[in-house]
């Protein structure tokens, strides 16, 4: 059967993607950001996952105010790269795994999670930047992807508890899939940042690192209990993206082992956080 072997959490800052695309990763400003992913790129090259279930948020590219799904699962064969205003990123199309995606959709919907099924969409930096951070700049991505888009742009976003429970439901779905697949779950977005208003540029390193501590241990109750207002107050309006990490964490089970941790400030006026976790069973 398929099995979830690891979880990855990472920020998906668009300027990080631009630094990769423009060959700036070795510049003094950017080098400390990318150095934190050196270990992860070596690790994943050895792990060779077959599929990544990649939890991210769309930034008004595939979805806009006309339709706002809380949870949307991509079931397509392929996902093109969208133009976010400065042309599509020069990265390969993302290849899906429709059989696994449809299985997850069916399993989760019958498990009382109302996922929106998407059979055609383009993906933006929320998905492609994590891929670049973990795999570099290949001619083709070495893994197939099941995109899971979460609304953290327009109120109301899902609660942390709901995200955690969805992660558990995804784990049940993967475990019931009959093909032998090495599956990873990635939670992306965050960490603390605010892009507008009087608090633009807010970074709360103390809160971010406490969150990383909780993500790295058996602290599900603490993570699930964080209310929306605490994310907004302590980590800025865009810090709410961290609820997406809880889908990944819920999918790994109660006990995890932290294999790698990275935190750096600043990266385009935001905090970059990154974890590699494996379940302990």
Protein backbone atom coordinates (compact mmCIF):
# COMPACT_ATOMS: atom_id res chain seq x y z
CA UNK A 1 0.00 0.00 0.00
CA UNK A 2 1.00 3.64 -0.24
CA UNK A 3 2.71 5.13 2.79
CA UNK A 4 3.48 8.62 4.08
CA UNK A 5 7.20 8.61 4.84
CA UNK A 6 7.94 12.26 5.64
CA UNK A 7 6.60 15.75 5.97
CA UNK A 8 8.16 19.00 4.80
CA UNK A 9 7.24 22.51 5.92
CA UNK A 10 8.56 25.56 4.13
CA UNK A 11 7.84 29.17 3.38
CA UNK A 12 6.95 30.00 -0.23
CA UNK A 13 8.08 33.61 -0.53
CA UNK A 14 7.78 34.78 -4.18
CA UNK A 15 11.03 36.76 -4.00
CA UNK A 16 12.81 33.49 -3.15
CA UNK A 17 11.63 32.11 -6.47
CA UNK A 18 12.82 35.24 -8.25
CA UNK A 19 16.25 34.94 -6.60
CA UNK A 20 16.52 31.37 -7.91
CA UNK A 21 15.34 32.30 -11.39
CA UNK A 22 17.70 35.28 -11.64
CA UNK A 23 20.76 33.42 -10.33
CA UNK A 24 21.05 35.42 -7.09
CA UNK A 25 21.16 32.56 -4.58
CA UNK A 26 24.87 33.06 -3.80
CA UNK A 27 24.53 36.80 -3.15
CA UNK A 28 25.24 37.79 0.47
CA UNK A 29 21.62 38.73 1.16
CA UNK A 30 20.19 35.46 -0.15
CA UNK A 31 22.91 32.93 0.64
CA UNK A 32 21.82 32.33 4.28
CA UNK A 33 18.26 31.63 3.12
CA UNK A 34 19.27 28.99 0.61
CA UNK A 35 21.97 27.45 2.78
CA UNK A 36 19.22 26.16 5.03
CA UNK A 37 17.95 23.97 2.20
CA UNK A 38 21.27 22.36 1.25
CA UNK A 39 20.67 19.46 3.64
CA UNK A 40 17.10 19.02 2.44
CA UNK A 41 18.05 18.78 -1.24
CA UNK A 42 20.58 16.06 -0.47
CA UNK A 43 18.10 14.26 1.76
CA UNK A 44 15.24 14.24 -0.75
CA UNK A 45 17.56 13.05 -3.53
CA UNK A 46 18.11 9.94 -1.41
CA UNK A 47 14.48 9.56 -0.35
CA UNK A 48 13.15 9.64 -3.93
CA UNK A 49 9.46 10.16 -3.14
CA UNK A 50 7.01 9.05 -5.81
CA UNK A 51 4.36 11.63 -4.95
CA UNK A 52 4.18 14.84 -2.95
CA UNK A 53 0.83 16.01 -1.61
CA UNK A 54 1.61 19.71 -1.63
CA UNK A 55 -0.53 21.97 0.55
CA UNK A 56 -0.35 25.60 -0.55
CA UNK A 57 -2.52 28.65 -1.12
CA UNK A 58 -3.35 30.17 -4.45
CA UNK A 59 -2.66 33.91 -4.73
CA UNK A 60 -5.60 34.97 -6.93
CA UNK A 61 -4.17 33.02 -9.86
CA UNK A 62 -6.36 29.92 -10.27
CA UNK A 63 -9.07 31.26 -7.95
CA UNK A 64 -10.38 34.75 -7.29
CA UNK A 65 -13.36 36.40 -5.60
CA UNK A 66 -15.75 34.59 -7.95
CA UNK A 67 -15.00 31.22 -6.34
CA UNK A 68 -13.23 30.63 -3.04
CA UNK A 69 -12.95 26.93 -2.13
CA UNK A 70 -11.81 26.26 1.42
CA UNK A 71 -10.03 23.08 0.33
CA UNK A 72 -9.46 22.25 -3.36
CA UNK A 73 -7.66 19.13 -4.59
CA UNK A 74 -6.08 19.00 -8.04
CA UNK A 75 -6.92 15.80 -9.92
CA UNK A 76 -5.35 16.70 -13.27
CA UNK A 77 -2.58 15.03 -15.25
CA UNK A 78 -0.57 18.25 -15.53
CA UNK A 79 -0.50 21.79 -14.13
CA UNK A 80 0.89 24.70 -16.08
CA UNK A 81 2.69 27.66 -14.51
CA UNK A 82 0.61 30.81 -14.24
CA UNK A 83 1.62 34.39 -15.01
CA UNK A 84 1.50 36.37 -11.77
CA UNK A 85 2.17 39.68 -13.49
CA UNK A 86 5.79 39.31 -14.57
CA UNK A 87 5.51 36.21 -16.75
CA UNK A 88 5.37 32.55 -15.72
CA UNK A 89 8.32 31.29 -13.69
CA UNK A 90 10.81 29.44 -15.91
CA UNK A 91 10.15 26.08 -14.24
CA UNK A 92 8.75 22.82 -15.63
CA UNK A 93 5.05 22.05 -15.66
CA UNK A 94 3.96 20.10 -12.60
CA UNK A 95 2.92 16.51 -13.30
CA UNK A 96 -0.01 15.23 -11.28
CA UNK A 97 -1.06 11.82 -10.02
CA UNK A 98 -4.77 11.75 -10.86
CA UNK A 99 -5.37 8.20 -9.62
CA UNK A 100 -4.10 8.98 -6.14
CA UNK A 101 -5.74 12.42 -6.17
CA UNK A 102 -9.16 10.98 -7.03
CA UNK A 103 -8.70 8.30 -4.38
CA UNK A 104 -7.91 10.96 -1.76
CA UNK A 105 -10.89 13.04 -2.89
CA UNK A 106 -13.26 10.09 -2.64
CA UNK A 107 -11.87 8.91 0.68
CA UNK A 108 -11.92 12.36 2.29
CA UNK A 109 -15.38 13.28 1.00
CA UNK A 110 -16.82 10.03 2.32
CA UNK A 111 -14.89 10.85 5.52
CA UNK A 112 -17.02 14.04 5.65
CA UNK A 113 -14.47 16.52 4.27
CA UNK A 114 -16.02 18.46 1.41
CA UNK A 115 -13.08 18.89 -0.97
CA UNK A 116 -13.52 20.84 -4.20
CA UNK A 117 -12.30 18.70 -7.11
CA UNK A 118 -10.32 20.66 -9.71
CA UNK A 119 -9.53 19.03 -13.06
CA UNK A 120 -7.84 21.99 -14.71
CA UNK A 121 -5.75 24.78 -13.16
CA UNK A 122 -2.43 26.54 -13.26
CA UNK A 123 -0.23 26.82 -10.19
CA UNK A 124 1.62 29.84 -8.83
CA UNK A 125 4.60 30.53 -6.58
CA UNK A 126 2.82 29.02 -3.60
CA UNK A 127 3.49 25.61 -5.14
CA UNK A 128 6.49 26.19 -7.40
CA UNK A 129 8.80 27.95 -4.90
CA UNK A 130 8.79 24.97 -2.48
CA UNK A 131 9.51 22.68 -5.43
CA UNK A 132 12.49 24.82 -6.44
CA UNK A 133 13.81 24.99 -2.88
CA UNK A 134 13.75 21.21 -2.54
CA UNK A 135 14.70 20.14 -6.08
CA UNK A 136 16.70 23.02 -7.54
CA UNK A 137 16.31 23.74 -11.24
CA UNK A 138 15.76 20.42 -13.04
CA UNK A 139 14.52 20.11 -16.62
CA UNK A 140 11.61 18.06 -15.25
CA UNK A 141 10.42 17.68 -11.65
CA UNK A 142 11.51 14.30 -10.27
CA UNK A 143 8.21 13.73 -8.45
CA UNK A 144 4.51 13.75 -9.19
CA UNK A 145 2.35 16.19 -7.24
CA UNK A 146 -1.16 16.25 -5.81
CA UNK A 147 -1.90 19.96 -5.22
CA UNK A 148 -4.12 20.82 -2.26
CA UNK A 149 -5.08 24.50 -2.28
CA UNK A 150 -6.33 26.05 0.97
CA UNK A 151 -8.08 29.38 1.36
CA UNK A 152 -6.00 31.54 3.69
CA UNK A 153 -6.53 34.70 1.65
CA UNK A 154 -10.16 35.64 2.36
CA UNK A 155 -11.97 35.37 5.69
CA UNK A 156 -12.92 32.84 6.96
CA UNK A 157 -9.96 30.49 6.57
CA UNK A 158 -10.25 26.99 8.04
CA UNK A 159 -9.29 26.54 11.67
CA UNK A 160 -6.07 24.90 12.70
CA UNK A 161 -8.06 22.04 14.17
CA UNK A 162 -9.89 21.46 10.89
CA UNK A 163 -6.60 21.47 9.01
CA UNK A 164 -5.10 18.94 11.42
CA UNK A 165 -8.14 16.67 11.05
CA UNK A 166 -7.91 16.92 7.26
CA UNK A 167 -4.29 15.78 7.53
CA UNK A 168 -5.45 12.75 9.49
CA UNK A 169 -8.09 12.02 6.83
CA UNK A 170 -5.48 12.30 4.07
CA UNK A 171 -3.29 9.82 5.95
CA UNK A 172 -6.17 7.36 6.08
CA UNK A 173 -6.76 7.86 2.36
CA UNK A 174 -3.11 7.27 1.46
CA UNK A 175 -2.91 4.17 3.62
CA UNK A 176 -5.91 2.66 1.81
CA UNK A 177 -4.44 3.25 -1.67
CA UNK A 178 -3.34 -0.15 -3.02
CA UNK A 179 -0.30 0.89 -5.09
CA UNK A 180 3.10 0.83 -3.38
CA UNK A 181 3.99 4.54 -3.29
CA UNK A 182 6.45 6.60 -1.26
CA UNK A 183 4.38 9.68 -0.41
CA UNK A 184 5.42 12.90 1.29
CA UNK A 185 3.11 15.65 2.55
CA UNK A 186 4.33 19.25 2.38
CA UNK A 187 2.80 22.19 4.22
CA UNK A 188 3.81 25.56 2.82
CA UNK A 189 3.41 29.28 3.53
CA UNK A 190 4.31 31.51 6.44
CA UNK A 191 6.06 32.23 8.67
CA UNK A 192 5.28 35.55 10.36
CA UNK A 193 4.77 38.35 7.88
CA UNK A 194 2.42 41.16 6.99
CA UNK A 195 2.43 42.75 3.56
CA UNK A 196 0.26 45.83 4.09
CA UNK A 197 -1.01 48.41 6.55
CA UNK A 198 0.66 50.01 9.58
CA UNK A 199 2.24 46.67 10.62
CA UNK A 200 3.76 45.89 7.20
CA UNK A 201 7.08 44.12 7.70
CA UNK A 202 6.08 42.55 11.05
CA UNK A 203 8.20 39.55 12.05
CA UNK A 204 7.83 37.70 15.36
CA UNK A 205 10.81 35.36 15.61
CA UNK A 206 10.00 34.25 19.16
CA UNK A 207 6.51 33.08 18.18
CA UNK A 208 7.78 31.48 14.97
CA UNK A 209 10.36 29.42 16.82
CA UNK A 210 7.85 28.30 19.43
CA UNK A 211 5.64 27.14 16.56
CA UNK A 212 8.59 25.22 15.06
CA UNK A 213 9.16 23.60 18.48
CA UNK A 214 5.54 22.47 18.62
CA UNK A 215 5.60 21.20 15.03
CA UNK A 216 8.64 19.08 15.88
CA UNK A 217 7.09 17.19 18.80
CA UNK A 218 3.86 15.62 20.10
CA UNK A 219 2.15 18.96 20.62
CA UNK A 220 -0.95 18.48 18.51
CA UNK A 221 -3.34 19.88 21.11
CA UNK A 222 -1.38 23.13 21.39
CA UNK A 223 -1.16 23.56 17.62
CA UNK A 224 -4.81 22.73 16.98
CA UNK A 225 -5.96 25.17 19.66
CA UNK A 226 -4.29 28.29 18.21
CA UNK A 227 -7.16 30.61 17.20
CA UNK A 228 -7.19 32.76 14.08
CA UNK A 229 -6.82 35.93 16.14
CA UNK A 230 -3.52 34.73 17.64
CA UNK A 231 -2.02 34.09 14.21
CA UNK A 232 -3.13 37.56 13.10
CA UNK A 233 -2.02 39.36 16.25
CA UNK A 234 1.31 37.62 16.73
CA UNK A 235 2.41 36.82 13.16
CA UNK A 236 0.67 39.36 10.93
CA UNK A 237 -2.16 39.03 8.46
CA UNK A 238 -0.28 36.61 6.23
CA UNK A 239 0.95 34.49 9.15
CA UNK A 240 -2.39 32.66 8.97
CA UNK A 241 -0.74 30.63 6.19
CA UNK A 242 0.80 28.48 8.92
CA UNK A 243 -2.50 26.62 9.38
CA UNK A 244 -1.52 24.81 6.18
CA UNK A 245 1.48 23.33 7.98
CA UNK A 246 -1.00 21.60 10.30
CA UNK A 247 -2.43 19.53 7.44
CA UNK A 248 1.04 18.10 6.92
CA UNK A 249 1.60 17.64 10.64
CA UNK A 250 -1.75 15.94 11.17
CA UNK A 251 -0.95 13.50 8.37
CA UNK A 252 2.21 12.31 10.17
CA UNK A 253 0.53 11.11 13.35
CA UNK A 254 1.19 11.98 16.99
CA UNK A 255 4.92 11.35 17.20
CA UNK A 256 7.50 12.72 14.78
CA UNK A 257 11.25 13.06 14.59
CA UNK A 258 12.71 16.35 13.36
CA UNK A 259 15.42 15.63 10.79
CA UNK A 260 16.20 19.23 9.85
CA UNK A 261 15.23 22.74 10.93
CA UNK A 262 15.99 26.13 9.41
CA UNK A 263 14.86 29.66 10.27
CA UNK A 264 16.13 32.90 8.79
CA UNK A 265 15.17 36.57 8.85
CA UNK A 266 14.79 38.46 6.61
CA UNK A 267 13.91 37.26 3.15
CA UNK A 268 12.04 40.03 1.35
CA UNK A 269 10.80 41.40 4.69
CA UNK A 270 9.48 38.03 5.83
CA UNK A 271 10.63 35.15 7.99
CA UNK A 272 11.61 31.90 6.28
CA UNK A 273 10.94 28.70 8.18
CA UNK A 274 11.63 25.11 7.13
CA UNK A 275 11.26 21.68 8.74
CA UNK A 276 11.78 18.11 7.61
CA UNK A 277 9.90 15.61 9.78
CA UNK A 278 9.39 11.88 9.72
CA UNK A 279 6.67 9.93 11.51
CA UNK A 280 7.62 7.69 14.43
CA UNK A 281 5.46 4.59 14.38
